[in-house]
Amino acid sequence: MLSARNHPAVPVVPRCWTFPPEPGSVSRARRAVVDALSPDCCPEVRDDLALVVSELVTNAIRYGAEPDHAELVELVLWPVDGCYWLAVSDPGEGLPHRAPPSAEATGGRGLPLVDALTVTRAIVPRPVRGKSVVVGLRLRAGA
């Protein structure tokens, strides 16, 4: 038998969830992520992450999934390299775009908000169909 010091550290296993493409999934996704965070997570990071989850899951439901189909929105969260990484995946082919909203617009501010709260955002095509929007948030506010 090998001792623990002869083995590499076991990486953190990502938390994964799936949600139906319906409006109620946004609050369930937000609660799942907040509940999965470490108890010592900074309250500002917790709030920022909850807001980012809400925006990305809303977009995935609104623009990437079809409610009449059995396709699900997937959510993955994992901490590594000083960030909480979040991937929200949907079966849609369309890419999120960031057009500046007009002063009268009631929407269109989600991705600029996500970009302001995260250190990076990428859109990654999925191997078979759809895409993942991946963002990183610092584990500590102001870091």
Protein backbone atom coordinates (compact mmCIF):
# COMPACT_ATOMS: atom_id res chain seq x y z
CA MET A 1 0.00 0.00 0.00
CA LEU A 2 1.28 3.48 -0.90
CA SER A 3 1.31 6.27 1.61
CA ALA A 4 -0.69 9.43 0.95
CA ARG A 5 2.43 11.48 0.30
CA ASN A 6 3.32 9.29 -2.68
CA HIS A 7 0.09 10.24 -4.45
CA PRO A 8 -0.79 13.51 -6.13
CA ALA A 9 -3.44 15.62 -4.48
CA VAL A 10 -6.94 14.68 -5.55
CA PRO A 11 -8.43 17.61 -7.47
CA VAL A 12 -11.74 19.09 -6.50
CA VAL A 13 -14.55 17.26 -8.23
CA PRO A 14 -16.84 19.69 -10.07
CA ARG A 15 -20.44 20.02 -8.96
CA CYS A 16 -22.88 19.36 -11.82
CA TRP A 17 -26.59 19.97 -12.24
CA THR A 18 -29.16 19.83 -15.03
CA PHE A 19 -32.32 21.88 -15.24
CA PRO A 20 -35.33 21.90 -17.55
CA PRO A 21 -35.58 24.94 -19.83
CA GLU A 22 -38.23 26.74 -17.79
CA PRO A 23 -38.16 30.01 -15.84
CA GLY A 24 -38.31 28.30 -12.41
CA SER A 25 -34.95 26.69 -13.14
CA VAL A 26 -33.17 30.03 -12.70
CA SER A 27 -33.87 30.23 -8.97
CA ARG A 28 -33.19 26.49 -8.52
CA ALA A 29 -29.80 26.86 -10.28
CA ARG A 30 -28.90 29.90 -8.19
CA ARG A 31 -29.81 28.09 -4.94
CA ALA A 32 -27.90 24.94 -5.97
CA VAL A 33 -24.72 26.92 -6.59
CA VAL A 34 -24.97 29.02 -3.44
CA ASP A 35 -25.60 25.90 -1.37
CA ALA A 36 -22.54 24.21 -2.92
CA LEU A 37 -20.15 27.02 -1.98
CA SER A 38 -17.69 26.62 0.83
CA PRO A 39 -18.97 27.98 4.17
CA ASP A 40 -16.00 30.35 4.27
CA CYS A 41 -16.86 31.82 0.87
CA CYS A 42 -16.77 35.62 0.96
CA PRO A 43 -20.35 37.04 0.95
CA GLU A 44 -19.49 39.36 -1.97
CA VAL A 45 -18.27 36.41 -4.05
CA ARG A 46 -21.38 34.42 -3.10
CA ASP A 47 -23.63 37.31 -4.24
CA ASP A 48 -21.66 37.87 -7.46
CA LEU A 49 -21.74 34.18 -8.30
CA ALA A 50 -25.50 34.00 -7.65
CA LEU A 51 -26.06 36.94 -9.99
CA VAL A 52 -23.86 35.46 -12.72
CA VAL A 53 -25.66 32.10 -12.45
CA SER A 54 -29.00 33.89 -12.80
CA GLU A 55 -27.91 35.79 -15.90
CA LEU A 56 -26.30 32.84 -17.67
CA VAL A 57 -29.04 30.32 -16.90
CA THR A 58 -31.69 32.85 -17.95
CA ASN A 59 -29.89 33.35 -21.28
CA ALA A 60 -29.51 29.59 -21.78
CA ILE A 61 -33.23 29.07 -21.19
CA ARG A 62 -34.33 32.09 -23.21
CA TYR A 63 -32.01 31.73 -26.22
CA GLY A 64 -30.39 28.29 -26.19
CA ALA A 65 -32.98 25.71 -25.22
CA GLU A 66 -36.40 24.84 -26.56
CA PRO A 67 -39.03 24.34 -23.85
CA ASP A 68 -40.95 21.74 -25.87
CA HIS A 69 -37.93 19.47 -26.11
CA ALA A 70 -36.36 17.23 -23.49
CA GLU A 71 -33.02 19.05 -23.78
CA LEU A 72 -31.64 20.36 -20.52
CA VAL A 73 -29.53 23.28 -19.42
CA GLU A 74 -26.38 22.02 -17.71
CA LEU A 75 -24.47 23.81 -14.98
CA VAL A 76 -20.99 22.94 -13.70
CA LEU A 77 -19.13 24.68 -10.85
CA TRP A 78 -15.58 24.03 -9.69
CA PRO A 79 -12.93 26.00 -7.76
CA VAL A 80 -9.41 25.93 -9.15
CA ASP A 81 -6.50 28.32 -9.63
CA GLY A 82 -7.96 31.01 -7.36
CA CYS A 83 -11.31 31.16 -9.19
CA TYR A 84 -14.73 29.66 -9.09
CA TRP A 85 -15.29 28.43 -12.63
CA LEU A 86 -18.83 28.18 -13.90
CA ALA A 87 -19.98 26.59 -17.16
CA VAL A 88 -23.57 26.91 -18.35
CA SER A 89 -24.35 24.74 -21.36
CA ASP A 90 -27.35 24.60 -23.66
CA PRO A 91 -28.19 22.82 -26.92
CA GLY A 92 -28.56 26.03 -28.95
CA GLU A 93 -26.27 26.94 -31.82
CA GLY A 94 -26.64 30.71 -31.48
CA LEU A 95 -23.86 32.60 -29.77
CA PRO A 96 -24.53 35.19 -27.08
CA HIS A 97 -23.96 38.68 -28.35
CA ARG A 98 -23.36 41.85 -26.47
CA ALA A 99 -25.12 44.71 -28.14
CA PRO A 100 -25.35 47.90 -26.09
CA PRO A 101 -28.94 48.35 -24.88
CA SER A 102 -30.79 51.57 -25.50
CA ALA A 103 -31.74 53.73 -22.55
CA GLU A 104 -35.35 52.57 -22.89
CA ALA A 105 -34.54 48.86 -23.18
CA THR A 106 -35.69 46.59 -20.38
CA GLY A 107 -33.10 43.92 -21.20
CA GLY A 108 -29.71 43.50 -22.79
CA ARG A 109 -27.61 44.26 -19.73
CA GLY A 110 -26.91 40.67 -18.65
CA LEU A 111 -23.64 39.96 -20.46
CA PRO A 112 -22.10 43.38 -19.67
CA LEU A 113 -22.96 42.68 -16.03
CA VAL A 114 -21.43 39.19 -16.22
CA ASP A 115 -18.28 40.68 -17.79
CA ALA A 116 -18.02 43.27 -15.01
CA LEU A 117 -18.20 40.59 -12.30
CA THR A 118 -15.91 37.96 -13.84
CA VAL A 119 -12.24 37.84 -14.75
CA THR A 120 -12.88 35.98 -18.00
CA ARG A 121 -15.69 34.73 -20.20
CA ALA A 122 -15.49 32.31 -23.10
CA ILE A 123 -17.94 30.57 -25.37
CA VAL A 124 -16.88 26.99 -26.00
CA PRO A 125 -18.60 24.87 -28.67
CA ARG A 126 -19.74 21.47 -27.42
CA PRO A 127 -18.52 18.40 -29.31
CA VAL A 128 -21.91 17.31 -30.64
CA ARG A 129 -24.32 20.23 -30.39
CA GLY A 130 -24.66 23.47 -28.53
CA LYS A 131 -22.25 25.57 -26.51
CA SER A 132 -20.99 26.30 -23.02
CA VAL A 133 -20.51 29.78 -21.62
CA VAL A 134 -17.60 29.54 -19.19
CA VAL A 135 -16.71 32.27 -16.69
CA GLY A 136 -14.24 32.63 -13.86
CA LEU A 137 -14.80 34.61 -10.65
CA ARG A 138 -12.03 35.20 -8.14
CA LEU A 139 -12.39 33.18 -4.93
CA ARG A 140 -11.86 36.34 -2.92
CA ALA A 141 -13.45 39.71 -3.67
CA GLY A 142 -10.97 42.33 -4.81
CA ALA A 143 -8.26 39.70 -5.46
